[in-house]
Amino acid sequence: MDKLLEIFSDILEIDIHEDDLELTKEEIEEWDSLAQIQIIAEIEEQFGVSIPFEEIETINKLGDFLKYIGK
């Protein structure tokens, strides 16, 4: 979980904590389409997972990434 929060914080350039996982794209100004791609690429690399292309559009809050890292 700490590594995931670090990824969010580094890419979005804001402090993200465990209780922020319910925040949505609309609530985080820094979370644009480029940040989305960067987050996905970093999660795939760091956790050795693959997020299916067709599921990318269904990711609307930070916590949605948890299912891809087995948390």
C-alpha atoms as a PDB file:
ATOM      1  CA  MET A   1       0.000   0.000   0.000  1.00  0.00           C
ATOM      2  CA  ASP A   2       2.812   2.420   0.836  1.00  0.00           C
ATOM      3  CA  LYS A   3       4.370   1.961  -2.600  1.00  0.00           C
ATOM      4  CA  LEU A   4       1.025   2.670  -4.282  1.00  0.00           C
ATOM      5  CA  LEU A   5       0.527   5.836  -2.236  1.00  0.00           C
ATOM      6  CA  GLU A   6       4.068   6.893  -3.123  1.00  0.00           C
ATOM      7  CA  ILE A   7       3.313   6.422  -6.828  1.00  0.00           C
ATOM      8  CA  PHE A   8       0.181   8.594  -6.548  1.00  0.00           C
ATOM      9  CA  SER A   9       2.029  11.279  -4.585  1.00  0.00           C
ATOM     10  CA  ASP A  10       5.011  11.365  -6.947  1.00  0.00           C
ATOM     11  CA  ILE A  11       2.993  11.542 -10.157  1.00  0.00           C
ATOM     12  CA  LEU A  12       0.233  13.853  -8.949  1.00  0.00           C
ATOM     13  CA  GLU A  13       2.740  15.955  -6.973  1.00  0.00           C
ATOM     14  CA  ILE A  14       0.451  16.129  -3.948  1.00  0.00           C
ATOM     15  CA  ASP A  15       0.387  14.296  -0.629  1.00  0.00           C
ATOM     16  CA  ILE A  16      -1.813  11.208  -0.845  1.00  0.00           C
ATOM     17  CA  HIS A  17      -2.679   9.157   2.225  1.00  0.00           C
ATOM     18  CA  GLU A  18      -4.613   5.930   2.736  1.00  0.00           C
ATOM     19  CA  ASP A  19      -7.803   7.825   3.594  1.00  0.00           C
ATOM     20  CA  ASP A  20      -7.597   9.597   0.194  1.00  0.00           C
ATOM     21  CA  LEU A  21      -8.256   6.406  -1.794  1.00  0.00           C
ATOM     22  CA  GLU A  22     -11.920   7.351  -2.260  1.00  0.00           C
ATOM     23  CA  LEU A  23     -11.000  10.589  -4.040  1.00  0.00           C
ATOM     24  CA  THR A  24     -12.102  10.719  -7.677  1.00  0.00           C
ATOM     25  CA  LYS A  25     -10.531  12.195 -10.802  1.00  0.00           C
ATOM     26  CA  GLU A  26     -12.912  15.113 -10.539  1.00  0.00           C
ATOM     27  CA  GLU A  27     -11.744  15.869  -6.994  1.00  0.00           C
ATOM     28  CA  ILE A  28      -8.024  15.849  -7.841  1.00  0.00           C
ATOM     29  CA  GLU A  29      -7.181  18.681 -10.214  1.00  0.00           C
ATOM     30  CA  GLU A  30      -3.742  17.219 -10.966  1.00  0.00           C
ATOM     31  CA  TRP A  31      -5.219  13.891 -12.164  1.00  0.00           C
ATOM     32  CA  ASP A  32      -5.507  14.435 -15.906  1.00  0.00           C
ATOM     33  CA  SER A  33      -5.185  11.957 -18.785  1.00  0.00           C
ATOM     34  CA  LEU A  34      -1.388  12.172 -18.796  1.00  0.00           C
ATOM     35  CA  ALA A  35      -1.243  11.477 -15.048  1.00  0.00           C
ATOM     36  CA  GLN A  36      -3.598   8.524 -15.581  1.00  0.00           C
ATOM     37  CA  ILE A  37      -1.218   6.963 -18.115  1.00  0.00           C
ATOM     38  CA  GLN A  38       1.800   7.651 -15.896  1.00  0.00           C
ATOM     39  CA  ILE A  39       0.108   6.072 -12.860  1.00  0.00           C
ATOM     40  CA  ILE A  40      -0.879   2.991 -14.855  1.00  0.00           C
ATOM     41  CA  ALA A  41       2.606   2.583 -16.353  1.00  0.00           C
ATOM     42  CA  GLU A  42       4.269   2.920 -12.956  1.00  0.00           C
ATOM     43  CA  ILE A  43       1.882   0.475 -11.269  1.00  0.00           C
ATOM     44  CA  GLU A  44       2.416  -2.052 -14.051  1.00  0.00           C
ATOM     45  CA  GLU A  45       6.184  -1.723 -13.736  1.00  0.00           C
ATOM     46  CA  GLN A  46       6.432  -1.663  -9.939  1.00  0.00           C
ATOM     47  CA  PHE A  47       3.926  -4.442  -9.253  1.00  0.00           C
ATOM     48  CA  GLY A  48       4.489  -6.596 -12.343  1.00  0.00           C
ATOM     49  CA  VAL A  49       0.838  -6.440 -13.362  1.00  0.00           C
ATOM     50  CA  SER A  50      -1.047  -5.539 -16.507  1.00  0.00           C
ATOM     51  CA  ILE A  51      -4.101  -3.309 -16.483  1.00  0.00           C
ATOM     52  CA  PRO A  52      -6.309  -4.211 -19.476  1.00  0.00           C
ATOM     53  CA  PHE A  53      -6.809  -1.322 -21.886  1.00  0.00           C
ATOM     54  CA  GLU A  54     -10.590  -1.728 -21.851  1.00  0.00           C
ATOM     55  CA  GLU A  55     -10.629  -1.266 -18.059  1.00  0.00           C
ATOM     56  CA  ILE A  56      -8.637   1.961 -17.991  1.00  0.00           C
ATOM     57  CA  GLU A  57     -11.738   4.125 -18.492  1.00  0.00           C
ATOM     58  CA  THR A  58     -13.453   2.456 -15.522  1.00  0.00           C
ATOM     59  CA  ILE A  59     -10.787   3.731 -13.117  1.00  0.00           C
ATOM     60  CA  ASN A  60     -12.374   6.785 -11.533  1.00  0.00           C
ATOM     61  CA  LYS A  61     -10.934   6.887  -8.012  1.00  0.00           C
ATOM     62  CA  LEU A  62      -7.541   6.149  -6.536  1.00  0.00           C
ATOM     63  CA  GLY A  63      -8.826   3.066  -4.729  1.00  0.00           C
ATOM     64  CA  ASP A  64      -9.830   1.487  -8.052  1.00  0.00           C
ATOM     65  CA  PHE A  65      -6.159   0.652  -8.620  1.00  0.00           C
ATOM     66  CA  LEU A  66      -6.109  -1.660  -5.583  1.00  0.00           C
ATOM     67  CA  LYS A  67      -7.751  -4.536  -7.442  1.00  0.00           C
ATOM     68  CA  TYR A  68      -4.814  -4.658  -9.841  1.00  0.00           C
ATOM     69  CA  ILE A  69      -2.184  -5.062  -7.136  1.00  0.00           C
ATOM     70  CA  GLY A  70      -4.030  -7.700  -5.148  1.00  0.00           C
ATOM     71  CA  LYS A  71      -4.920  -5.584  -2.104  1.00  0.00           C
END
